[in-house]
Amino acid sequence: MEDQEQGTKSRVMKVDSMESWDFYVNQATVQGCPIVAHFTAAWCIPSLAMNPFMEELASMYQNTISFLTIDVDEVK
């Protein structure tokens, strides 16, 4: 993500394996937080256009809602 390249930490957690999916889902369950999952792909322009919106929402609802992003081509 562009924010990560500029040195700021993304508030949207990247799921890169089944283990990380389980970790984030379990963490949200324990905290009682709902999850917003953004399924994306590098070739999908509308999906990429959603990234800044997801970052904004994650900042607005920090510690209230867990935001995850999953690249469908990377995680199978």
N, C-alpha and C. Protein backbone atom coordinates (compact mmCIF):
# COMPACT_ATOMS: atom_id res chain seq x y z
N MET A 1 0.83 -1.18 0.00
CA MET A 1 0.00 0.00 0.00
C MET A 1 0.88 1.24 0.00
N GLU A 2 0.38 2.30 -0.57
CA GLU A 2 1.15 3.52 -0.67
C GLU A 2 1.53 4.06 0.70
N ASP A 3 0.64 4.02 1.68
CA ASP A 3 0.93 4.54 3.00
C ASP A 3 2.11 3.83 3.63
N GLN A 4 2.22 2.54 3.39
CA GLN A 4 3.32 1.78 3.97
C GLN A 4 4.64 2.19 3.33
N GLU A 5 4.62 2.51 2.03
CA GLU A 5 5.83 2.92 1.35
C GLU A 5 6.29 4.28 1.85
N GLN A 6 5.37 5.14 2.29
CA GLN A 6 5.72 6.46 2.76
C GLN A 6 6.10 6.45 4.23
N GLY A 7 6.08 5.30 4.87
CA GLY A 7 6.54 5.19 6.24
C GLY A 7 5.45 5.22 7.30
N THR A 8 4.21 5.49 6.93
CA THR A 8 3.14 5.46 7.92
C THR A 8 2.57 4.06 7.97
N LYS A 9 2.18 3.66 9.16
CA LYS A 9 1.67 2.30 9.35
C LYS A 9 0.20 2.22 8.94
N SER A 10 -0.11 1.22 8.17
CA SER A 10 -1.48 1.00 7.74
C SER A 10 -2.32 0.50 8.91
N ARG A 11 -3.54 0.98 9.01
CA ARG A 11 -4.46 0.50 10.05
C ARG A 11 -5.29 -0.67 9.51
N VAL A 12 -5.16 -0.96 8.22
CA VAL A 12 -5.82 -2.11 7.62
C VAL A 12 -4.82 -3.26 7.64
N MET A 13 -5.19 -4.34 8.32
CA MET A 13 -4.28 -5.47 8.47
C MET A 13 -4.32 -6.35 7.23
N LYS A 14 -3.14 -6.69 6.73
CA LYS A 14 -3.04 -7.53 5.54
C LYS A 14 -3.04 -9.00 5.95
N VAL A 15 -3.97 -9.74 5.38
CA VAL A 15 -4.04 -11.19 5.60
C VAL A 15 -3.22 -11.85 4.49
N ASP A 16 -2.17 -12.59 4.89
CA ASP A 16 -1.32 -13.22 3.87
C ASP A 16 -1.27 -14.74 3.98
N SER A 17 -2.08 -15.28 4.91
CA SER A 17 -2.13 -16.74 5.07
C SER A 17 -3.38 -17.10 5.87
N MET A 18 -3.70 -18.37 5.88
CA MET A 18 -4.82 -18.84 6.68
C MET A 18 -4.56 -18.60 8.16
N GLU A 19 -3.29 -18.73 8.55
CA GLU A 19 -2.92 -18.50 9.95
C GLU A 19 -3.17 -17.05 10.36
N SER A 20 -2.81 -16.10 9.49
CA SER A 20 -3.04 -14.70 9.84
C SER A 20 -4.54 -14.39 9.84
N TRP A 21 -5.30 -15.02 8.94
CA TRP A 21 -6.76 -14.86 8.96
C TRP A 21 -7.31 -15.32 10.31
N ASP A 22 -6.92 -16.52 10.74
CA ASP A 22 -7.38 -17.06 12.02
C ASP A 22 -6.98 -16.14 13.18
N PHE A 23 -5.76 -15.62 13.14
CA PHE A 23 -5.28 -14.74 14.20
C PHE A 23 -6.14 -13.49 14.30
N TYR A 24 -6.37 -12.80 13.17
CA TYR A 24 -7.14 -11.55 13.19
C TYR A 24 -8.61 -11.79 13.55
N VAL A 25 -9.18 -12.88 13.07
CA VAL A 25 -10.57 -13.19 13.41
C VAL A 25 -10.69 -13.51 14.90
N ASN A 26 -9.77 -14.31 15.42
CA ASN A 26 -9.79 -14.62 16.86
C ASN A 26 -9.59 -13.37 17.70
N GLN A 27 -8.66 -12.51 17.29
CA GLN A 27 -8.40 -11.27 18.01
C GLN A 27 -9.66 -10.39 18.04
N ALA A 28 -10.33 -10.24 16.91
CA ALA A 28 -11.55 -9.43 16.85
C ALA A 28 -12.66 -10.06 17.68
N THR A 29 -12.75 -11.37 17.68
CA THR A 29 -13.78 -12.05 18.46
C THR A 29 -13.57 -11.81 19.95
N VAL A 30 -12.32 -11.93 20.40
CA VAL A 30 -12.01 -11.70 21.81
C VAL A 30 -12.32 -10.26 22.20
N GLN A 31 -12.02 -9.31 21.31
CA GLN A 31 -12.25 -7.89 21.59
C GLN A 31 -13.71 -7.48 21.37
N GLY A 32 -14.49 -8.36 20.77
CA GLY A 32 -15.89 -8.05 20.49
C GLY A 32 -16.06 -7.05 19.36
N CYS A 33 -15.10 -7.03 18.43
CA CYS A 33 -15.13 -6.09 17.30
C CYS A 33 -15.68 -6.77 16.05
N PRO A 34 -16.53 -6.07 15.29
CA PRO A 34 -16.90 -6.60 13.98
C PRO A 34 -15.70 -6.49 13.03
N ILE A 35 -15.76 -7.24 11.94
CA ILE A 35 -14.68 -7.26 10.95
C ILE A 35 -15.22 -6.79 9.61
N VAL A 36 -14.43 -5.94 8.94
CA VAL A 36 -14.69 -5.57 7.55
C VAL A 36 -13.55 -6.19 6.74
N ALA A 37 -13.88 -7.10 5.85
CA ALA A 37 -12.88 -7.77 5.02
C ALA A 37 -12.96 -7.25 3.59
N HIS A 38 -11.83 -6.75 3.11
CA HIS A 38 -11.74 -6.22 1.74
C HIS A 38 -10.96 -7.22 0.90
N PHE A 39 -11.68 -7.92 0.02
CA PHE A 39 -11.05 -8.88 -0.88
C PHE A 39 -10.64 -8.13 -2.13
N THR A 40 -9.36 -8.20 -2.45
CA THR A 40 -8.80 -7.38 -3.52
C THR A 40 -7.89 -8.21 -4.42
N ALA A 41 -7.44 -7.59 -5.52
CA ALA A 41 -6.46 -8.19 -6.42
C ALA A 41 -5.71 -7.05 -7.11
N ALA A 42 -4.44 -7.26 -7.40
CA ALA A 42 -3.60 -6.23 -7.99
C ALA A 42 -4.13 -5.77 -9.36
N TRP A 43 -4.82 -6.64 -10.07
CA TRP A 43 -5.32 -6.32 -11.40
C TRP A 43 -6.70 -5.67 -11.38
N CYS A 44 -7.35 -5.58 -10.23
CA CYS A 44 -8.71 -5.06 -10.13
C CYS A 44 -8.68 -3.57 -9.75
N ILE A 45 -8.84 -2.71 -10.73
CA ILE A 45 -8.75 -1.27 -10.52
C ILE A 45 -9.80 -0.76 -9.51
N PRO A 46 -11.07 -1.15 -9.61
CA PRO A 46 -12.03 -0.68 -8.61
C PRO A 46 -11.66 -1.09 -7.19
N SER A 47 -11.12 -2.27 -7.05
CA SER A 47 -10.71 -2.74 -5.73
C SER A 47 -9.55 -1.91 -5.20
N LEU A 48 -8.59 -1.60 -6.05
CA LEU A 48 -7.46 -0.77 -5.63
C LEU A 48 -7.90 0.64 -5.28
N ALA A 49 -8.91 1.13 -5.96
CA ALA A 49 -9.44 2.47 -5.68
C ALA A 49 -10.07 2.53 -4.29
N MET A 50 -10.46 1.40 -3.75
CA MET A 50 -11.07 1.34 -2.41
C MET A 50 -10.03 1.46 -1.29
N ASN A 51 -8.76 1.23 -1.57
CA ASN A 51 -7.74 1.21 -0.52
C ASN A 51 -7.70 2.49 0.32
N PRO A 52 -7.67 3.68 -0.28
CA PRO A 52 -7.66 4.88 0.56
C PRO A 52 -8.92 5.02 1.42
N PHE A 53 -10.05 4.61 0.89
CA PHE A 53 -11.31 4.65 1.63
C PHE A 53 -11.25 3.70 2.83
N MET A 54 -10.70 2.52 2.61
CA MET A 54 -10.56 1.56 3.70
C MET A 54 -9.62 2.10 4.78
N GLU A 55 -8.53 2.74 4.38
CA GLU A 55 -7.61 3.34 5.34
C GLU A 55 -8.31 4.44 6.16
N GLU A 56 -9.10 5.26 5.48
CA GLU A 56 -9.82 6.33 6.18
C GLU A 56 -10.80 5.76 7.19
N LEU A 57 -11.56 4.75 6.77
CA LEU A 57 -12.50 4.11 7.70
C LEU A 57 -11.78 3.47 8.88
N ALA A 58 -10.67 2.81 8.60
CA ALA A 58 -9.90 2.16 9.66
C ALA A 58 -9.39 3.19 10.66
N SER A 59 -9.04 4.36 10.19
CA SER A 59 -8.60 5.43 11.10
C SER A 59 -9.76 5.97 11.91
N MET A 60 -10.91 6.11 11.28
CA MET A 60 -12.09 6.63 11.95
C MET A 60 -12.60 5.68 13.03
N TYR A 61 -12.54 4.39 12.75
CA TYR A 61 -13.11 3.39 13.65
C TYR A 61 -12.04 2.53 14.32
N GLN A 62 -10.89 3.14 14.57
CA GLN A 62 -9.79 2.44 15.23
C GLN A 62 -10.24 1.90 16.58
N ASN A 63 -9.87 0.67 16.88
CA ASN A 63 -10.22 -0.01 18.13
C ASN A 63 -11.71 -0.30 18.27
N THR A 64 -12.48 -0.08 17.22
CA THR A 64 -13.92 -0.37 17.24
C THR A 64 -14.28 -1.45 16.23
N ILE A 65 -13.66 -1.36 15.05
CA ILE A 65 -13.88 -2.31 13.96
C ILE A 65 -12.53 -2.76 13.44
N SER A 66 -12.39 -4.05 13.16
CA SER A 66 -11.16 -4.58 12.57
C SER A 66 -11.29 -4.57 11.05
N PHE A 67 -10.34 -3.97 10.37
CA PHE A 67 -10.33 -3.91 8.91
C PHE A 67 -9.22 -4.80 8.39
N LEU A 68 -9.60 -5.73 7.51
CA LEU A 68 -8.65 -6.67 6.93
C LEU A 68 -8.66 -6.52 5.41
N THR A 69 -7.51 -6.73 4.79
CA THR A 69 -7.44 -6.78 3.34
C THR A 69 -6.81 -8.11 2.94
N ILE A 70 -7.43 -8.74 1.93
CA ILE A 70 -6.99 -10.06 1.48
C ILE A 70 -6.82 -10.01 -0.03
N ASP A 71 -5.60 -10.22 -0.51
CA ASP A 71 -5.34 -10.30 -1.95
C ASP A 71 -5.67 -11.72 -2.39
N VAL A 72 -6.70 -11.85 -3.20
CA VAL A 72 -7.20 -13.18 -3.57
C VAL A 72 -6.21 -13.97 -4.41
N ASP A 73 -5.28 -13.29 -5.05
CA ASP A 73 -4.26 -14.00 -5.84
C ASP A 73 -3.09 -14.47 -4.97
N GLU A 74 -2.87 -13.81 -3.84
CA GLU A 74 -1.77 -14.19 -2.95
C GLU A 74 -2.18 -15.27 -1.95
N VAL A 75 -3.41 -15.22 -1.49
CA VAL A 75 -3.88 -16.16 -0.47
C VAL A 75 -4.90 -17.09 -1.12
N LYS A 76 -4.52 -18.34 -1.23
CA LYS A 76 -5.43 -19.31 -1.87
C LYS A 76 -5.65 -20.49 -0.97
